[in-house]
Amino acid sequence: PALPTGVTGGPAGWNVCMIPVGQNSSGGALLNSFYQK
């Protein structure tokens, strides 16, 4: 809620969004696997 919706940040702007905990955990596990391999 702290950021506006429906606007563009332009080429230098940034986006933020919450993701489900399961997807975050899976992504972290894949990244860790990459680091190890």
Full PDB file with SEQRES, HELIX, SHEET, SSBOND, CRYST1, ORIGX, SCALE, CONECT and MASTER records, all heavy atoms in Angstrom:
SEQRES   1 A   37  PRO ALA LEU PRO THR GLY VAL THR GLY GLY PRO ALA GLY          
SEQRES   2 A   37  TRP ASN VAL CYS MET ILE PRO VAL GLY GLN ASN SER SER          
SEQRES   3 A   37  GLY GLY ALA LEU LEU ASN SER PHE TYR GLN LYS                  
HELIX    1 AA1 VAL A   21  GLN A   36  1                                  16    
CRYST1    1.000    1.000    1.000  90.00  90.00  90.00 P 1           1          
ORIGX1      1.000000  0.000000  0.000000        0.00000                         
ORIGX2      0.000000  1.000000  0.000000        0.00000                         
ORIGX3      0.000000  0.000000  1.000000        0.00000                         
SCALE1      1.000000  0.000000  0.000000        0.00000                         
SCALE2      0.000000  1.000000  0.000000        0.00000                         
SCALE3      0.000000  0.000000  1.000000        0.00000                         
ATOM      1  N   PRO A   1       0.787  -1.232   0.000  1.00  0.00           N  
ATOM      2  CA  PRO A   1       0.000   0.000   0.000  1.00  0.00           C  
ATOM      3  C   PRO A   1       0.825   1.290   0.000  1.00  0.00           C  
ATOM      4  O   PRO A   1       0.291   2.355  -0.290  1.00  0.00           O  
ATOM      5  CB  PRO A   1      -0.820  -0.113   1.283  1.00  0.00           C  
ATOM      6  CG  PRO A   1      -0.017  -0.994   2.173  1.00  0.00           C  
ATOM      7  CD  PRO A   1       0.684  -1.963   1.262  1.00  0.00           C  
ATOM      8  N   ALA A   2       2.117   1.220   0.273  1.00  0.00           N  
ATOM      9  CA  ALA A   2       2.933   2.429   0.366  1.00  0.00           C  
ATOM     10  C   ALA A   2       3.359   2.989  -0.987  1.00  0.00           C  
ATOM     11  O   ALA A   2       3.912   4.081  -1.047  1.00  0.00           O  
ATOM     12  CB  ALA A   2       4.180   2.143   1.212  1.00  0.00           C  
ATOM     13  N   LEU A   3       3.094   2.261  -2.077  1.00  0.00           N  
ATOM     14  CA  LEU A   3       3.499   2.725  -3.404  1.00  0.00           C  
ATOM     15  C   LEU A   3       2.282   2.912  -4.299  1.00  0.00           C  
ATOM     16  O   LEU A   3       1.269   2.245  -4.129  1.00  0.00           O  
ATOM     17  CB  LEU A   3       4.455   1.721  -4.055  1.00  0.00           C  
ATOM     18  CG  LEU A   3       5.844   1.634  -3.449  1.00  0.00           C  
ATOM     19  CD1 LEU A   3       6.632   0.501  -4.087  1.00  0.00           C  
ATOM     20  CD2 LEU A   3       6.590   2.941  -3.608  1.00  0.00           C  
ATOM     21  N   PRO A   4       2.403   3.792  -5.301  1.00  0.00           N  
ATOM     22  CA  PRO A   4       1.275   4.007  -6.214  1.00  0.00           C  
ATOM     23  C   PRO A   4       1.086   2.837  -7.173  1.00  0.00           C  
ATOM     24  O   PRO A   4       2.023   2.098  -7.471  1.00  0.00           O  
ATOM     25  CB  PRO A   4       1.678   5.275  -6.971  1.00  0.00           C  
ATOM     26  CG  PRO A   4       3.163   5.307  -6.911  1.00  0.00           C  
ATOM     27  CD  PRO A   4       3.531   4.678  -5.589  1.00  0.00           C  
ATOM     28  N   THR A   5      -0.131   2.676  -7.653  1.00  0.00           N  
ATOM     29  CA  THR A   5      -0.447   1.680  -8.675  1.00  0.00           C  
ATOM     30  C   THR A   5      -0.899   2.414  -9.937  1.00  0.00           C  
ATOM     31  O   THR A   5      -1.294   3.572  -9.881  1.00  0.00           O  
ATOM     32  CB  THR A   5      -1.574   0.729  -8.211  1.00  0.00           C  
ATOM     33  OG1 THR A   5      -2.745   1.494  -7.946  1.00  0.00           O  
ATOM     34  CG2 THR A   5      -1.175  -0.036  -6.968  1.00  0.00           C  
ATOM     35  N   GLY A   6      -0.828   1.743 -11.068  1.00  0.00           N  
ATOM     36  CA  GLY A   6      -1.328   2.318 -12.309  1.00  0.00           C  
ATOM     37  C   GLY A   6      -0.477   3.431 -12.878  1.00  0.00           C  
ATOM     38  O   GLY A   6      -0.956   4.224 -13.667  1.00  0.00           O  
ATOM     39  N   VAL A   7       0.773   3.521 -12.474  1.00  0.00           N  
ATOM     40  CA  VAL A   7       1.684   4.532 -13.015  1.00  0.00           C  
ATOM     41  C   VAL A   7       2.920   3.830 -13.547  1.00  0.00           C  
ATOM     42  O   VAL A   7       3.182   2.678 -13.229  1.00  0.00           O  
ATOM     43  CB  VAL A   7       2.094   5.576 -11.946  1.00  0.00           C  
ATOM     44  CG1 VAL A   7       0.896   6.341 -11.447  1.00  0.00           C  
ATOM     45  CG2 VAL A   7       2.825   4.914 -10.786  1.00  0.00           C  
ATOM     46  N   THR A   8       3.694   4.542 -14.333  1.00  0.00           N  
ATOM     47  CA  THR A   8       4.948   3.983 -14.824  1.00  0.00           C  
ATOM     48  C   THR A   8       6.113   4.658 -14.120  1.00  0.00           C  
ATOM     49  O   THR A   8       6.050   5.846 -13.801  1.00  0.00           O  
ATOM     50  CB  THR A   8       5.089   4.150 -16.353  1.00  0.00           C  
ATOM     51  OG1 THR A   8       6.337   3.585 -16.754  1.00  0.00           O  
ATOM     52  CG2 THR A   8       5.033   5.597 -16.780  1.00  0.00           C  
ATOM     53  N   GLY A   9       7.136   3.898 -13.857  1.00  0.00           N  
ATOM     54  CA  GLY A   9       8.336   4.450 -13.236  1.00  0.00           C  
ATOM     55  C   GLY A   9       9.332   4.935 -14.269  1.00  0.00           C  
ATOM     56  O   GLY A   9      10.391   5.438 -13.930  1.00  0.00           O  
ATOM     57  N   GLY A  10       8.983   4.773 -15.546  1.00  0.00           N  
ATOM     58  CA  GLY A  10       9.907   5.155 -16.598  1.00  0.00           C  
ATOM     59  C   GLY A  10      11.065   4.175 -16.685  1.00  0.00           C  
ATOM     60  O   GLY A  10      11.104   3.169 -15.984  1.00  0.00           O  
ATOM     61  N   PRO A  11      12.050   4.442 -17.533  1.00  0.00           N  
ATOM     62  CA  PRO A  11      13.148   3.501 -17.727  1.00  0.00           C  
ATOM     63  C   PRO A  11      14.030   3.341 -16.491  1.00  0.00           C  
ATOM     64  O   PRO A  11      14.723   2.342 -16.340  1.00  0.00           O  
ATOM     65  CB  PRO A  11      13.929   4.097 -18.893  1.00  0.00           C  
ATOM     66  CG  PRO A  11      13.561   5.529 -18.925  1.00  0.00           C  
ATOM     67  CD  PRO A  11      12.158   5.613 -18.385  1.00  0.00           C  
ATOM     68  N   ALA A  12      14.008   4.299 -15.573  1.00  0.00           N  
ATOM     69  CA  ALA A  12      14.846   4.210 -14.382  1.00  0.00           C  
ATOM     70  C   ALA A  12      14.039   3.830 -13.138  1.00  0.00           C  
ATOM     71  O   ALA A  12      14.591   3.727 -12.061  1.00  0.00           O  
ATOM     72  CB  ALA A  12      15.561   5.544 -14.133  1.00  0.00           C  
ATOM     73  N   GLY A  13      12.733   3.625 -13.290  1.00  0.00           N  
ATOM     74  CA  GLY A  13      11.888   3.287 -12.145  1.00  0.00           C  
ATOM     75  C   GLY A  13      12.033   1.832 -11.739  1.00  0.00           C  
ATOM     76  O   GLY A  13      12.771   1.059 -12.345  1.00  0.00           O  
ATOM     77  N   TRP A  14      11.326   1.452 -10.700  1.00  0.00           N  
ATOM     78  CA  TRP A  14      11.394   0.081 -10.193  1.00  0.00           C  
ATOM     79  C   TRP A  14      10.020  -0.367  -9.728  1.00  0.00           C  
ATOM     80  O   TRP A  14       9.145   0.434  -9.469  1.00  0.00           O  
ATOM     81  CB  TRP A  14      12.414  -0.031  -9.063  1.00  0.00           C  
ATOM     82  CG  TRP A  14      12.278   1.029  -7.993  1.00  0.00           C  
ATOM     83  CD1 TRP A  14      12.806   2.282  -8.019  1.00  0.00           C  
ATOM     84  CD2 TRP A  14      11.539   0.935  -6.775  1.00  0.00           C  
ATOM     85  NE1 TRP A  14      12.442   2.976  -6.892  1.00  0.00           N  
ATOM     86  CE2 TRP A  14      11.667   2.160  -6.092  1.00  0.00           C  
ATOM     87  CE3 TRP A  14      10.795  -0.067  -6.182  1.00  0.00           C  
ATOM     88  CZ2 TRP A  14      11.080   2.409  -4.863  1.00  0.00           C  
ATOM     89  CZ3 TRP A  14      10.213   0.189  -4.945  1.00  0.00           C  
ATOM     90  CH2 TRP A  14      10.359   1.420  -4.302  1.00  0.00           C  
ATOM     91  N   ASN A  15       9.829  -1.689  -9.674  1.00  0.00           N  
ATOM     92  CA  ASN A  15       8.575  -2.313  -9.255  1.00  0.00           C  
ATOM     93  C   ASN A  15       8.819  -3.173  -8.030  1.00  0.00           C  
ATOM     94  O   ASN A  15       9.910  -3.714  -7.847  1.00  0.00           O  
ATOM     95  CB  ASN A  15       8.019  -3.223 -10.359  1.00  0.00           C  
ATOM     96  CG  ASN A  15       7.750  -2.487 -11.634  1.00  0.00           C  
ATOM     97  OD1 ASN A  15       7.389  -1.330 -11.634  1.00  0.00           O  
ATOM     98  ND2 ASN A  15       7.947  -3.172 -12.743  1.00  0.00           N  
ATOM     99  N   VAL A  16       7.774  -3.355  -7.237  1.00  0.00           N  
ATOM    100  CA  VAL A  16       7.868  -4.250  -6.083  1.00  0.00           C  
ATOM    101  C   VAL A  16       6.532  -4.967  -5.928  1.00  0.00           C  
ATOM    102  O   VAL A  16       5.479  -4.406  -6.226  1.00  0.00           O  
ATOM    103  CB  VAL A  16       8.243  -3.474  -4.797  1.00  0.00           C  
ATOM    104  CG1 VAL A  16       7.168  -2.500  -4.395  1.00  0.00           C  
ATOM    105  CG2 VAL A  16       8.570  -4.417  -3.660  1.00  0.00           C  
ATOM    106  N   CYS A  17       6.597  -6.233  -5.518  1.00  0.00           N  
ATOM    107  CA  CYS A  17       5.399  -7.037  -5.357  1.00  0.00           C  
ATOM    108  C   CYS A  17       5.689  -8.174  -4.379  1.00  0.00           C  
ATOM    109  O   CYS A  17       6.787  -8.724  -4.373  1.00  0.00           O  
ATOM    110  CB  CYS A  17       4.975  -7.613  -6.712  1.00  0.00           C  
ATOM    111  SG  CYS A  17       3.294  -8.258  -6.747  1.00  0.00           S  
ATOM    112  N   MET A  18       4.728  -8.514  -3.536  1.00  0.00           N  
ATOM    113  CA  MET A  18       4.864  -9.666  -2.643  1.00  0.00           C  
ATOM    114  C   MET A  18       4.733 -10.937  -3.473  1.00  0.00           C  
ATOM    115  O   MET A  18       4.019 -10.960  -4.466  1.00  0.00           O  
ATOM    116  CB  MET A  18       3.775  -9.642  -1.564  1.00  0.00           C  
ATOM    117  CG  MET A  18       3.800  -8.408  -0.690  1.00  0.00           C  
ATOM    118  SD  MET A  18       5.269  -8.264   0.304  1.00  0.00           S  
ATOM    119  CE  MET A  18       4.882  -9.382   1.618  1.00  0.00           C  
ATOM    120  N   ILE A  19       5.456 -11.995  -3.072  1.00  0.00           N  
ATOM    121  CA  ILE A  19       5.318 -13.290  -3.738  1.00  0.00           C  
ATOM    122  C   ILE A  19       4.981 -14.337  -2.685  1.00  0.00           C  
ATOM    123  O   ILE A  19       5.332 -14.188  -1.512  1.00  0.00           O  
ATOM    124  CB  ILE A  19       6.581 -13.694  -4.522  1.00  0.00           C  
ATOM    125  CG1 ILE A  19       7.791 -13.826  -3.603  1.00  0.00           C  
ATOM    126  CG2 ILE A  19       6.857 -12.716  -5.641  1.00  0.00           C  
ATOM    127  CD1 ILE A  19       8.990 -14.425  -4.295  1.00  0.00           C  
ATOM    128  N   PRO A  20       4.309 -15.409  -3.068  1.00  0.00           N  
ATOM    129  CA  PRO A  20       3.958 -16.456  -2.113  1.00  0.00           C  
ATOM    130  C   PRO A  20       5.207 -17.106  -1.501  1.00  0.00           C  
ATOM    131  O   PRO A  20       6.232 -17.270  -2.170  1.00  0.00           O  
ATOM    132  CB  PRO A  20       3.181 -17.474  -2.948  1.00  0.00           C  
ATOM    133  CG  PRO A  20       2.651 -16.694  -4.107  1.00  0.00           C  
ATOM    134  CD  PRO A  20       3.705 -15.658  -4.391  1.00  0.00           C  
ATOM    135  N   VAL A  21       5.105 -17.479  -0.224  1.00  0.00           N  
ATOM    136  CA  VAL A  21       6.252 -18.035   0.499  1.00  0.00           C  
ATOM    137  C   VAL A  21       6.804 -19.284  -0.182  1.00  0.00           C  
ATOM    138  O   VAL A  21       8.019 -19.490  -0.224  1.00  0.00           O  
ATOM    139  CB  VAL A  21       5.892 -18.297   1.983  1.00  0.00           C  
ATOM    140  CG1 VAL A  21       4.865 -19.413   2.100  1.00  0.00           C  
ATOM    141  CG2 VAL A  21       7.132 -18.619   2.796  1.00  0.00           C  
ATOM    142  N   GLY A  22       5.954 -20.111  -0.748  1.00  0.00           N  
ATOM    143  CA  GLY A  22       6.421 -21.324  -1.423  1.00  0.00           C  
ATOM    144  C   GLY A  22       7.280 -21.017  -2.638  1.00  0.00           C  
ATOM    145  O   GLY A  22       8.300 -21.670  -2.869  1.00  0.00           O  
ATOM    146  N   GLN A  23       6.860 -20.007  -3.417  1.00  0.00           N  
ATOM    147  CA  GLN A  23       7.650 -19.613  -4.587  1.00  0.00           C  
ATOM    148  C   GLN A  23       8.982 -19.010  -4.161  1.00  0.00           C  
ATOM    149  O   GLN A  23      10.022 -19.244  -4.785  1.00  0.00           O  
ATOM    150  CB  GLN A  23       6.875 -18.628  -5.450  1.00  0.00           C  
ATOM    151  CG  GLN A  23       5.723 -19.261  -6.189  1.00  0.00           C  
ATOM    152  CD  GLN A  23       4.983 -18.270  -7.071  1.00  0.00           C  
ATOM    153  OE1 GLN A  23       5.361 -17.111  -7.206  1.00  0.00           O  
ATOM    154  NE2 GLN A  23       3.921 -18.725  -7.694  1.00  0.00           N  
ATOM    155  N   ASN A  24       8.967 -18.221  -3.090  1.00  0.00           N  
ATOM    156  CA  ASN A  24      10.197 -17.622  -2.588  1.00  0.00           C  
ATOM    157  C   ASN A  24      11.164 -18.708  -2.112  1.00  0.00           C  
ATOM    158  O   ASN A  24      12.360 -18.669  -2.410  1.00  0.00           O  
ATOM    159  CB  ASN A  24       9.888 -16.651  -1.450  1.00  0.00           C  
ATOM    160  CG  ASN A  24      11.094 -15.838  -1.055  1.00  0.00           C  
ATOM    161  OD1 ASN A  24      11.809 -15.334  -1.918  1.00  0.00           O  
ATOM    162  ND2 ASN A  24      11.321 -15.712   0.236  1.00  0.00           N  
ATOM    163  N   SER A  25      10.659 -19.698  -1.392  1.00  0.00           N  
ATOM    164  CA  SER A  25      11.501 -20.796  -0.912  1.00  0.00           C  
ATOM    165  C   SER A  25      12.062 -21.608  -2.072  1.00  0.00           C  
ATOM    166  O   SER A  25      13.242 -21.985  -2.067  1.00  0.00           O  
ATOM    167  CB  SER A  25      10.706 -21.706   0.027  1.00  0.00           C  
ATOM    168  OG  SER A  25      10.347 -21.009   1.196  1.00  0.00           O  
ATOM    169  N   SER A  26      11.239 -21.889  -3.072  1.00  0.00           N  
ATOM    170  CA  SER A  26      11.698 -22.642  -4.245  1.00  0.00           C  
ATOM    171  C   SER A  26      12.783 -21.880  -4.995  1.00  0.00           C  
ATOM    172  O   SER A  26      13.790 -22.458  -5.414  1.00  0.00           O  
ATOM    173  CB  SER A  26      10.539 -22.925  -5.196  1.00  0.00           C  
ATOM    174  OG  SER A  26       9.603 -23.774  -4.597  1.00  0.00           O  
ATOM    175  N   GLY A  27      12.590 -20.580  -5.155  1.00  0.00           N  
ATOM    176  CA  GLY A  27      13.593 -19.756  -5.833  1.00  0.00           C  
ATOM    177  C   GLY A  27      14.904 -19.727  -5.074  1.00  0.00           C  
ATOM    178  O   GLY A  27      15.980 -19.811  -5.666  1.00  0.00           O  
ATOM    179  N   GLY A  28      14.824 -19.635  -3.753  1.00  0.00           N  
ATOM    180  CA  GLY A  28      16.032 -19.656  -2.930  1.00  0.00           C  
ATOM    181  C   GLY A  28      16.763 -20.984  -3.030  1.00  0.00           C  
ATOM    182  O   GLY A  28      17.987 -21.039  -3.096  1.00  0.00           O  
ATOM    183  N   ALA A  29      16.001 -22.085  -3.061  1.00  0.00           N  
ATOM    184  CA  ALA A  29      16.609 -23.410  -3.189  1.00  0.00           C  
ATOM    185  C   ALA A  29      17.298 -23.565  -4.541  1.00  0.00           C  
ATOM    186  O   ALA A  29      18.411 -24.109  -4.630  1.00  0.00           O  
ATOM    187  CB  ALA A  29      15.555 -24.496  -3.002  1.00  0.00           C  
ATOM    188  N   LEU A  30      16.665 -23.078  -5.618  1.00  0.00           N  
ATOM    189  CA  LEU A  30      17.278 -23.141  -6.941  1.00  0.00           C  
ATOM    190  C   LEU A  30      18.553 -22.298  -7.006  1.00  0.00           C  
ATOM    191  O   LEU A  30      19.559 -22.710  -7.591  1.00  0.00           O  
ATOM    192  CB  LEU A  30      16.287 -22.680  -8.009  1.00  0.00           C  
ATOM    193  CG  LEU A  30      15.144 -23.635  -8.303  1.00  0.00           C  
ATOM    194  CD1 LEU A  30      14.087 -22.945  -9.176  1.00  0.00           C  
ATOM    195  CD2 LEU A  30      15.648 -24.896  -8.973  1.00  0.00           C  
ATOM    196  N   LEU A  31      18.514 -21.118  -6.406  1.00  0.00           N  
ATOM    197  CA  LEU A  31      19.689 -20.261  -6.396  1.00  0.00           C  
ATOM    198  C   LEU A  31      20.823 -20.911  -5.602  1.00  0.00           C  
ATOM    199  O   LEU A  31      21.981 -20.915  -6.025  1.00  0.00           O  
ATOM    200  CB  LEU A  31      19.346 -18.893  -5.813  1.00  0.00           C  
ATOM    201  CG  LEU A  31      20.450 -17.845  -5.815  1.00  0.00           C  
ATOM    202  CD1 LEU A  31      20.956 -17.576  -7.236  1.00  0.00           C  
ATOM    203  CD2 LEU A  31      19.951 -16.562  -5.165  1.00  0.00           C  
ATOM    204  N   ASN A  32      20.501 -21.497  -4.460  1.00  0.00           N  
ATOM    205  CA  ASN A  32      21.509 -22.187  -3.649  1.00  0.00           C  
ATOM    206  C   ASN A  32      22.119 -23.352  -4.427  1.00  0.00           C  
ATOM    207  O   ASN A  32      23.335 -23.577  -4.381  1.00  0.00           O  
ATOM    208  CB  ASN A  32      20.895 -22.683  -2.342  1.00  0.00           C  
ATOM    209  CG  ASN A  32      21.928 -23.276  -1.428  1.00  0.00           C  
ATOM    210  OD1 ASN A  32      22.946 -22.648  -1.141  1.00  0.00           O  
ATOM    211  ND2 ASN A  32      21.701 -24.488  -0.959  1.00  0.00           N  
ATOM    212  N   SER A  33      21.289 -24.091  -5.165  1.00  0.00           N  
ATOM    213  CA  SER A  33      21.776 -25.200  -5.977  1.00  0.00           C  
ATOM    214  C   SER A  33      22.753 -24.691  -7.044  1.00  0.00           C  
ATOM    215  O   SER A  33      23.806 -25.292  -7.278  1.00  0.00           O  
ATOM    216  CB  SER A  33      20.602 -25.917  -6.636  1.00  0.00           C  
ATOM    217  OG  SER A  33      21.046 -26.930  -7.487  1.00  0.00           O  
ATOM    218  N   PHE A  34      22.419 -23.571  -7.676  1.00  0.00           N  
ATOM    219  CA  PHE A  34      23.320 -22.966  -8.669  1.00  0.00           C  
ATOM    220  C   PHE A  34      24.654 -22.609  -8.031  1.00  0.00           C  
ATOM    221  O   PHE A  34      25.724 -22.896  -8.580  1.00  0.00           O  
ATOM    222  CB  PHE A  34      22.680 -21.722  -9.291  1.00  0.00           C  
ATOM    223  CG  PHE A  34      23.655 -20.849 -10.023  1.00  0.00           C  
ATOM    224  CD1 PHE A  34      24.115 -21.206 -11.278  1.00  0.00           C  
ATOM    225  CD2 PHE A  34      24.127 -19.683  -9.444  1.00  0.00           C  
ATOM    226  CE1 PHE A  34      25.032 -20.400 -11.956  1.00  0.00           C  
ATOM    227  CE2 PHE A  34      25.039 -18.876 -10.106  1.00  0.00           C  
ATOM    228  CZ  PHE A  34      25.492 -19.238 -11.368  1.00  0.00           C  
ATOM    229  N   TYR A  35      24.608 -21.964  -6.869  1.00  0.00           N  
ATOM    230  CA  TYR A  35      25.849 -21.585  -6.179  1.00  0.00           C  
ATOM    231  C   TYR A  35      26.708 -22.810  -5.870  1.00  0.00           C  
ATOM    232  O   TYR A  35      27.924 -22.793  -6.053  1.00  0.00           O  
ATOM    233  CB  TYR A  35      25.548 -20.845  -4.882  1.00  0.00           C  
ATOM    234  CG  TYR A  35      25.013 -19.442  -5.055  1.00  0.00           C  
ATOM    235  CD1 TYR A  35      24.219 -18.868  -4.077  1.00  0.00           C  
ATOM    236  CD2 TYR A  35      25.296 -18.677  -6.188  1.00  0.00           C  
ATOM    237  CE1 TYR A  35      23.734 -17.580  -4.208  1.00  0.00           C  
ATOM    238  CE2 TYR A  35      24.812 -17.396  -6.334  1.00  0.00           C  
ATOM    239  CZ  TYR A  35      24.035 -16.843  -5.340  1.00  0.00           C  
ATOM    240  OH  TYR A  35      23.558 -15.569  -5.468  1.00  0.00           O  
ATOM    241  N   GLN A  36      26.088 -23.874  -5.374  1.00  0.00           N  
ATOM    242  CA  GLN A  36      26.837 -25.070  -5.026  1.00  0.00           C  
ATOM    243  C   GLN A  36      27.428 -25.745  -6.261  1.00  0.00           C  
ATOM    244  O   GLN A  36      28.611 -26.100  -6.276  1.00  0.00           O  
ATOM    245  CB  GLN A  36      25.956 -26.048  -4.261  1.00  0.00           C  
ATOM    246  CG  GLN A  36      25.657 -25.588  -2.854  1.00  0.00           C  
ATOM    247  CD  GLN A  36      24.781 -26.567  -2.100  1.00  0.00           C  
ATOM    248  OE1 GLN A  36      24.227 -27.504  -2.654  1.00  0.00           O  
ATOM    249  NE2 GLN A  36      24.649 -26.337  -0.789  1.00  0.00           N  
ATOM    250  N   LYS A  37      26.621 -25.939  -7.291  1.00  0.00           N  
ATOM    251  CA  LYS A  37      27.100 -26.598  -8.508  1.00  0.00           C  
ATOM    252  C   LYS A  37      28.182 -25.790  -9.209  1.00  0.00           C  
ATOM    253  O   LYS A  37      29.085 -26.348  -9.828  1.00  0.00           O  
ATOM    254  CB  LYS A  37      25.944 -26.850  -9.472  1.00  0.00           C  
ATOM    255  CG  LYS A  37      25.008 -27.938  -9.021  1.00  0.00           C  
ATOM    256  CD  LYS A  37      23.862 -28.113  -9.995  1.00  0.00           C  
ATOM    257  CE  LYS A  37      22.906 -29.183  -9.496  1.00  0.00           C  
ATOM    258  NZ  LYS A  37      21.760 -29.334 -10.380  1.00  0.00           N  
TER     259      LYS A  37                                                      
MASTER        0    0    0    1    0    0    0    6  258    1    0    3          
END                                                                             
